[in-house]
C-alpha atoms as a PDB file:
ATOM      1  CA  MET A   1       0.048  -0.119   0.084  1.00  0.00           C
ATOM      2  CA  SER A   2       1.555   3.018  -1.122  1.00  0.00           C
ATOM      3  CA  SER A   3      -1.062   5.485   0.853  1.00  0.00           C
ATOM      4  CA  ARG A   4      -0.898   6.874   4.273  1.00  0.00           C
ATOM      5  CA  TRP A   5      -4.758   7.158   3.682  1.00  0.00           C
ATOM      6  CA  THR A   6      -5.249   3.613   3.168  1.00  0.00           C
ATOM      7  CA  HIS A   7      -5.333   1.350   6.502  1.00  0.00           C
ATOM      8  CA  LEU A   8      -5.428  -2.356   7.268  1.00  0.00           C
ATOM      9  CA  VAL A   9      -8.175  -3.025  10.079  1.00  0.00           C
ATOM     10  CA  CYS A  10      -9.024  -6.138  11.700  1.00  0.00           C
ATOM     11  CA  VAL A  11     -12.608  -7.716  11.550  1.00  0.00           C
ATOM     12  CA  ALA A  12     -13.102  -7.057  15.343  1.00  0.00           C
ATOM     13  CA  CYS A  13     -12.425  -3.142  14.334  1.00  0.00           C
ATOM     14  CA  TRP A  14     -14.505  -3.327  11.182  1.00  0.00           C
ATOM     15  CA  GLU A  15     -17.710  -4.596  13.264  1.00  0.00           C
ATOM     16  CA  ASP A  16     -16.947  -1.922  15.815  1.00  0.00           C
ATOM     17  CA  LEU A  17     -16.413   0.841  12.988  1.00  0.00           C
ATOM     18  CA  HIS A  18     -19.498  -0.643  10.854  1.00  0.00           C
ATOM     19  CA  GLY A  19     -21.507  -3.025  12.436  1.00  0.00           C
ATOM     20  CA  ASP A  20     -24.082  -4.809  10.231  1.00  0.00           C
ATOM     21  CA  SER A  21     -24.034  -2.172   8.091  1.00  0.00           C
ATOM     22  CA  LYS A  22     -21.606  -3.121   5.689  1.00  0.00           C
ATOM     23  CA  THR A  23     -19.849  -6.115   4.267  1.00  0.00           C
ATOM     24  CA  PRO A  24     -15.988  -5.868   3.913  1.00  0.00           C
ATOM     25  CA  VAL A  25     -14.254  -7.113   0.602  1.00  0.00           C
ATOM     26  CA  SER A  26     -10.966  -8.611   1.508  1.00  0.00           C
ATOM     27  CA  LEU A  27      -7.615  -9.640  -0.188  1.00  0.00           C
ATOM     28  CA  LYS A  28      -7.439 -13.290  -0.878  1.00  0.00           C
ATOM     29  CA  ASP A  29      -4.334 -14.813   1.161  1.00  0.00           C
ATOM     30  CA  ALA A  30      -3.251 -11.427   2.980  1.00  0.00           C
ATOM     31  CA  GLU A  31      -0.211 -11.008   4.577  1.00  0.00           C
ATOM     32  CA  GLU A  32       0.203 -10.377   8.386  1.00  0.00           C
ATOM     33  CA  GLY A  33       0.191  -6.788   9.545  1.00  0.00           C
ATOM     34  CA  ASN A  34      -1.269  -4.565  12.114  1.00  0.00           C
ATOM     35  CA  CYS A  35      -4.497  -3.116  12.489  1.00  0.00           C
ATOM     36  CA  CYS A  36      -4.244   0.462  12.120  1.00  0.00           C
ATOM     37  CA  VAL A  37      -7.451   1.120  14.707  1.00  0.00           C
ATOM     38  CA  CYS A  38      -6.104  -1.082  17.640  1.00  0.00           C
ATOM     39  CA  GLY A  39      -2.859  -2.146  16.671  1.00  0.00           C
ATOM     40  CA  GLU A  40      -3.180  -5.973  17.004  1.00  0.00           C
ATOM     41  CA  SER A  41      -2.168  -8.507  14.621  1.00  0.00           C
ATOM     42  CA  THR A  42      -4.344  -9.292  11.435  1.00  0.00           C
ATOM     43  CA  THR A  43      -4.441 -11.178   8.381  1.00  0.00           C
ATOM     44  CA  SER A  44      -8.005  -9.821   7.683  1.00  0.00           C
ATOM     45  CA  GLY A  45      -7.086  -8.382   4.272  1.00  0.00           C
ATOM     46  CA  ILE A  46      -9.400  -5.929   5.002  1.00  0.00           C
ATOM     47  CA  TYR A  47      -8.429  -2.130   3.980  1.00  0.00           C
ATOM     48  CA  PHE A  48     -10.531   1.631   4.285  1.00  0.00           C
ATOM     49  CA  ARG A  49      -9.315   4.681   3.501  1.00  0.00           C
ATOM     50  CA  GLN A  50      -9.187   7.320   6.703  1.00  0.00           C
ATOM     51  CA  LYS A  51      -7.426  10.583   7.728  1.00  0.00           C
ATOM     52  CA  PRO A  52      -4.239   9.450   9.514  1.00  0.00           C
ATOM     53  CA  GLU A  53      -4.074  11.642  12.135  1.00  0.00           C
ATOM     54  CA  THR A  54      -7.238   9.928  13.443  1.00  0.00           C
ATOM     55  CA  LEU A  55      -6.220   6.562  14.146  1.00  0.00           C
ATOM     56  CA  LEU A  56      -3.538   4.928  16.228  1.00  0.00           C
ATOM     57  CA  CYS A  57      -1.079   4.483  13.136  1.00  0.00           C
ATOM     58  CA  THR A  58      -1.058   7.637  11.846  1.00  0.00           C
ATOM     59  CA  GLY A  59      -0.180   6.697   8.670  1.00  0.00           C
ATOM     60  CA  GLN A  60       3.566   5.842  10.232  1.00  0.00           C
ATOM     61  CA  LEU A  61       3.216   1.931  11.563  1.00  0.00           C
ATOM     62  CA  GLY A  62       2.470  -1.339   9.794  1.00  0.00           C
ATOM     63  CA  ILE A  63       1.891  -1.285   6.038  1.00  0.00           C
ATOM     64  CA  HIS A  64       2.919   2.408   5.893  1.00  0.00           C
ATOM     65  CA  GLU A  65       6.346   1.424   6.764  1.00  0.00           C
ATOM     66  CA  GLU A  66       7.122  -0.501   3.610  1.00  0.00           C
ATOM     67  CA  THR A  67       6.434   3.010   1.561  1.00  0.00           C
ATOM     68  CA  LYS A  68       9.336   4.887   3.047  1.00  0.00           C
END
């Protein structure tokens, strides 16, 4: 992922953010990374876009390190 605005999220955080209102689309055979919301390890393959400064990762941790 090349954007600070694209974030990996675990299933639990996705459900907290969206409840039953949205079904996530996830990458098949996703690599392990840390959820940008809670910091826990996940292989959910679910990504979403949000302003980096509003999340735990601040667009700097986990998947964001790969693009530096």
